[in-house]
Amino acid sequence: MAKESIWSDIGDAICNGERVFQVMHKLGHGGFSTVWSVRSYTIDGELAVLRHLRTVAGPGHPNVVALHDSFQISGPDGEHHCLIFPVLGPSLRKAVVSAALPSSMRHQVCQQVASTMAFLHHYGVCHGVFELPDIQSMSPARVTQLLGPIKTENLGLQNGQCSPHAPEQVIQTPDLSGLDYSLLTRVRIIDFGQAFFANRPPPSLGVSIDFFSPELCFGYLPSTKSDIWHLACILY
C-alpha cells in the first residue's frame, strides 16, 4: 500500500498515481529536503526551471542532473514536492576534503563546471547559487552496494506517545568515505532551488558571503554576471 505521509521509512511505497517508488536507503538531507534512494516498479521555481531545461534542451547536458519525474504528496504537514533524479555520488566538497585530487581531475572538473554554466546561460537560466555543495560527482556502477547496511534508531516523544508530525525512526546517512574518488571523473550540477530565468531575476539571492558578487553588494539584481562570479570562486 502506498504511503501518504511525508515521513518515509525503508520499504515504504510512494505513489504518484502512475508510478510506485519503493524507498531503499537514505542518501542525505539538507535545509530544504531529504534525499532517498528509491526504486521504480514501473517502466514551481526549481520544478519550472528543470522542466524548462528538459523541454528546450532536448537530451540536455551531461553535467546537469536530469529530472525523471515529479509529483506531490500530502502529509500531516501539508503538500510536498517529490522530485525523482538519478542516484549520484558525494558532493564535490566532500571529494575535495576527503582526497587530494590529482591535477588532471581538477582540470576535468573545472572544464565541466564552466561548460555547464555556459549551457544554462544559453537557454536563459541562471543557477543563482553556484557553490560546491550543488556539484555532485557521478556515482560509479552499482553504487547501491557501496551504501552499506541501513542503520536506524527508534524515535519517540518523552511522554511515550506518537506524533503524526514525526517519523517512527531516524535513519543514518550512509558513510561514503570509502569511495575511491579518483574514479569519479564526472560532475553534475544539482539543486536548482534558487535558479531563475535570466529575463526574470529575483530581488535577492540566498548566497553565502564567500560567493557574494560585488554587484549584489550594491543592490543590483542577480544575473548571468553574478553566476560567473560564483564560478570564479569555485575555480579559485
Protein backbone atom coordinates (compact mmCIF):
# COMPACT_ATOMS: atom_id res chain seq x y z
CA MET A 1 0.00 0.00 0.00
CA ALA A 2 1.38 3.39 -0.97
CA LYS A 3 2.19 5.70 1.91
CA GLU A 4 0.56 9.14 2.09
CA SER A 5 2.55 10.63 4.98
CA ILE A 6 5.57 12.78 4.17
CA TRP A 7 7.72 10.75 6.59
CA SER A 8 9.33 7.81 4.81
CA ASP A 9 10.74 4.59 6.17
CA ILE A 10 12.76 1.90 4.45
CA GLY A 11 10.46 -0.25 2.34
CA ASP A 12 7.68 2.34 2.08
CA ALA A 13 5.96 2.76 -1.28
CA ILE A 14 5.25 6.27 -2.56
CA CYS A 15 2.74 6.54 -5.39
CA ASN A 16 2.23 9.47 -7.75
CA GLY A 17 -0.87 8.00 -9.37
CA GLU A 18 1.09 6.45 -12.25
CA ARG A 19 4.29 5.05 -10.76
CA VAL A 20 5.20 3.42 -7.46
CA PHE A 21 8.59 4.18 -5.88
CA GLN A 22 9.89 1.99 -3.05
CA VAL A 23 12.26 3.58 -0.53
CA MET A 24 15.56 1.65 -0.49
CA HIS A 25 18.00 3.80 1.51
CA LYS A 26 18.62 7.30 2.82
CA LEU A 27 21.21 9.24 0.82
CA GLY A 28 21.32 12.51 2.73
CA HIS A 29 19.45 15.61 3.82
CA GLY A 30 19.72 19.37 3.60
CA GLY A 31 17.97 22.55 4.62
CA PHE A 32 15.01 22.05 2.28
CA SER A 33 14.64 18.31 1.73
CA THR A 34 15.68 14.75 2.48
CA VAL A 35 17.13 12.58 -0.31
CA TRP A 36 16.10 8.93 -0.56
CA SER A 37 17.29 6.17 -2.85
CA VAL A 38 14.15 4.69 -4.42
CA ARG A 39 13.35 2.02 -6.98
CA SER A 40 10.63 2.41 -9.59
CA TYR A 41 8.48 -0.60 -10.26
CA THR A 42 7.03 0.79 -13.47
CA ILE A 43 8.50 1.13 -16.93
CA ASP A 44 7.20 25.99 -9.03
CA GLY A 45 10.59 27.75 -9.19
CA GLU A 46 13.00 24.79 -9.18
CA LEU A 47 10.49 22.50 -10.87
CA ALA A 48 9.71 25.09 -13.56
CA VAL A 49 13.42 25.54 -14.36
CA LEU A 50 14.09 21.79 -14.58
CA ARG A 51 11.03 21.25 -16.77
CA HIS A 52 12.07 24.18 -18.95
CA LEU A 53 15.52 22.66 -19.48
CA ARG A 54 14.01 19.27 -20.27
CA THR A 55 11.70 20.88 -22.84
CA VAL A 56 14.05 23.26 -24.67
CA ALA A 57 17.35 21.41 -24.34
CA GLY A 58 16.30 18.00 -25.63
CA PRO A 59 18.66 15.38 -24.16
CA GLY A 60 20.18 18.12 -22.03
CA HIS A 61 23.76 18.44 -20.84
CA PRO A 62 25.80 15.54 -19.44
CA ASN A 63 26.69 17.61 -16.37
CA VAL A 64 23.18 18.80 -15.47
CA VAL A 65 21.11 16.47 -13.33
CA ALA A 66 18.13 15.07 -15.27
CA LEU A 67 14.62 15.32 -13.85
CA HIS A 68 12.98 11.91 -14.33
CA ASP A 69 9.64 12.61 -12.67
CA SER A 70 7.87 14.98 -10.28
CA PHE A 71 4.67 14.84 -8.25
CA GLN A 72 3.09 15.98 -4.98
CA ILE A 73 2.12 14.00 -1.89
CA SER A 74 0.01 15.04 1.09
CA GLY A 75 1.00 14.62 4.72
CA PRO A 76 0.17 15.96 8.18
CA ASP A 77 2.38 18.97 7.46
CA GLY A 78 0.81 19.86 4.10
CA GLU A 79 1.71 19.35 0.44
CA HIS A 80 5.25 18.35 -0.54
CA HIS A 81 7.02 18.16 -3.90
CA CYS A 82 8.79 14.90 -4.79
CA LEU A 83 11.48 15.14 -7.47
CA ILE A 84 12.94 11.96 -8.97
CA PHE A 85 16.60 12.12 -10.06
CA PRO A 86 19.26 9.51 -10.86
CA VAL A 87 21.45 8.37 -7.96
CA LEU A 88 24.62 10.46 -7.73
CA GLY A 89 27.76 10.25 -5.65
CA PRO A 90 29.03 12.53 -2.86
CA SER A 91 29.29 16.29 -3.17
CA LEU A 92 32.43 17.74 -4.70
CA ARG A 93 33.21 19.44 -1.39
CA LYS A 94 33.46 16.03 0.29
CA ALA A 95 35.63 14.75 -2.53
CA VAL A 96 37.98 17.72 -2.19
CA VAL A 97 38.17 17.32 1.59
CA SER A 98 38.47 13.53 1.60
CA ALA A 99 41.05 13.12 -1.13
CA ALA A 100 43.90 15.01 -2.73
CA LEU A 101 42.51 15.26 -6.25
CA PRO A 102 45.15 14.92 -8.98
CA SER A 103 45.64 17.94 -11.22
CA SER A 104 44.19 16.11 -14.22
CA MET A 105 40.92 15.53 -12.35
CA ARG A 106 40.79 19.12 -11.11
CA HIS A 107 41.15 20.30 -14.71
CA GLN A 108 38.31 18.00 -15.81
CA VAL A 109 36.04 19.25 -13.04
CA CYS A 110 36.71 22.92 -13.87
CA GLN A 111 36.06 22.34 -17.57
CA GLN A 112 32.81 20.51 -16.87
CA VAL A 113 31.52 23.15 -14.47
CA ALA A 114 32.30 26.00 -16.88
CA SER A 115 30.71 24.13 -19.78
CA THR A 116 27.58 23.53 -17.72
CA MET A 117 27.22 27.20 -16.82
CA ALA A 118 27.54 28.15 -20.49
CA PHE A 119 24.80 25.63 -21.28
CA LEU A 120 22.43 27.08 -18.66
CA HIS A 121 23.03 30.66 -19.80
CA HIS A 122 22.47 29.67 -23.44
CA TYR A 123 18.95 28.55 -22.52
CA GLY A 124 18.23 31.63 -20.42
CA VAL A 125 18.72 30.08 -16.98
CA CYS A 126 20.85 31.37 -14.11
CA HIS A 127 21.71 28.87 -11.40
CA GLY A 128 21.72 31.54 -8.71
CA VAL A 129 23.89 29.84 -6.08
CA PHE A 130 26.79 28.13 -7.81
CA GLU A 131 28.59 26.58 -4.82
CA LEU A 132 30.44 23.34 -4.15
CA PRO A 133 27.53 21.54 -2.42
CA ASP A 134 25.48 21.98 -5.62
CA ILE A 135 28.01 19.99 -7.68
CA GLN A 136 27.93 16.25 -7.17
CA SER A 137 30.17 13.53 -8.55
CA MET A 138 28.62 10.84 -10.67
CA SER A 139 28.23 7.56 -8.84
CA PRO A 140 30.21 4.53 -10.02
CA ALA A 141 28.35 1.48 -11.29
CA ARG A 142 26.22 -0.34 -8.74
CA VAL A 143 26.59 2.44 -6.20
CA THR A 144 23.90 0.92 -4.00
CA GLN A 145 26.37 -1.79 -3.00
CA LEU A 146 28.57 0.93 -1.50
CA LEU A 147 25.86 2.41 0.73
CA GLY A 148 26.32 -0.27 3.36
CA PRO A 149 23.78 -1.59 5.89
CA ILE A 150 20.84 0.55 6.92
CA LYS A 151 21.26 1.97 10.45
CA THR A 152 18.17 3.22 12.31
CA GLU A 153 17.11 4.38 15.77
CA ASN A 154 13.56 4.45 17.09
CA LEU A 155 12.14 7.91 17.72
CA GLY A 156 9.52 8.76 20.34
CA LEU A 157 8.24 11.64 22.43
CA GLN A 158 9.11 11.97 26.12
CA ASN A 159 5.52 11.18 27.08
CA GLY A 160 5.74 7.92 25.16
CA GLN A 161 3.14 8.91 22.60
CA CYS A 162 3.50 9.02 18.82
CA SER A 163 3.00 12.11 16.69
CA PRO A 164 1.83 12.30 13.07
CA HIS A 165 4.38 15.08 12.60
CA ALA A 166 7.41 12.90 13.34
CA PRO A 167 8.78 9.67 11.82
CA GLU A 168 8.78 6.42 13.79
CA GLN A 169 12.54 6.11 13.39
CA VAL A 170 15.54 8.12 12.22
CA ILE A 171 17.80 6.72 9.52
CA GLN A 172 21.53 7.40 9.36
CA THR A 173 23.03 8.76 6.16
CA PRO A 174 25.48 6.21 4.70
CA ASP A 175 29.21 6.79 5.07
CA LEU A 176 30.80 7.22 1.63
CA SER A 177 34.31 7.92 2.90
CA GLY A 178 35.49 4.60 1.46
CA LEU A 179 34.82 5.62 -2.13
CA ASP A 180 37.76 5.84 -4.49
CA TYR A 181 37.35 9.48 -5.52
CA SER A 182 39.90 9.10 -8.31
CA LEU A 183 37.26 7.06 -10.20
CA LEU A 184 34.67 9.84 -10.06
CA THR A 185 35.60 11.85 -13.12
CA ARG A 186 32.26 13.47 -13.95
CA VAL A 187 30.28 16.05 -12.00
CA ARG A 188 26.64 17.06 -12.22
CA ILE A 189 25.00 20.32 -11.24
CA ILE A 190 22.11 19.84 -8.81
CA ASP A 191 19.86 21.94 -6.55
CA PHE A 192 18.08 24.46 -8.76
CA GLY A 193 16.16 25.80 -5.76
CA GLN A 194 17.42 29.36 -6.36
CA ALA A 195 17.72 29.16 -10.13
CA PHE A 196 15.82 31.75 -12.14
CA PHE A 197 15.18 32.78 -15.71
CA ALA A 198 17.64 35.43 -16.85
CA ASN A 199 14.85 37.75 -18.02
CA ARG A 200 13.04 37.50 -14.65
CA PRO A 201 15.68 37.93 -11.92
CA PRO A 202 14.59 37.80 -8.26
CA PRO A 203 15.20 40.79 -5.97
CA SER A 204 17.81 38.87 -3.97
CA LEU A 205 19.54 35.51 -3.52
CA GLY A 206 20.40 33.39 -0.50
CA VAL A 207 24.12 33.38 -1.30
CA SER A 208 26.78 32.83 1.36
CA ILE A 209 29.14 35.74 1.87
CA ASP A 210 32.03 33.77 0.38
CA PHE A 211 30.27 33.75 -3.01
CA PHE A 212 28.59 37.17 -2.90
CA SER A 213 29.36 39.05 -6.12
CA PRO A 214 30.25 42.78 -5.93
CA GLU A 215 27.18 43.99 -7.85
CA LEU A 216 24.87 42.27 -5.38
CA CYS A 217 26.54 44.23 -2.57
CA PHE A 218 25.44 47.45 -4.28
CA GLY A 219 21.83 46.41 -4.77
CA TYR A 220 21.95 45.30 -8.39
CA LEU A 221 19.79 42.36 -9.43
CA PRO A 222 21.39 38.91 -9.85
CA SER A 223 22.22 37.94 -13.42
CA THR A 224 24.49 35.77 -15.53
CA LYS A 225 27.33 38.01 -14.34
CA SER A 226 26.80 37.05 -10.71
CA ASP A 227 26.69 33.40 -11.83
CA ILE A 228 30.10 33.86 -13.44
CA TRP A 229 31.44 35.37 -10.20
CA HIS A 230 30.29 32.26 -8.34
CA LEU A 231 32.01 30.12 -10.97
CA ALA A 232 35.26 32.03 -10.48
CA CYS A 233 35.05 31.44 -6.72
CA ILE A 234 34.70 27.70 -7.30
CA LEU A 235 37.59 27.55 -9.76
CA TYR A 236 39.76 29.51 -7.34
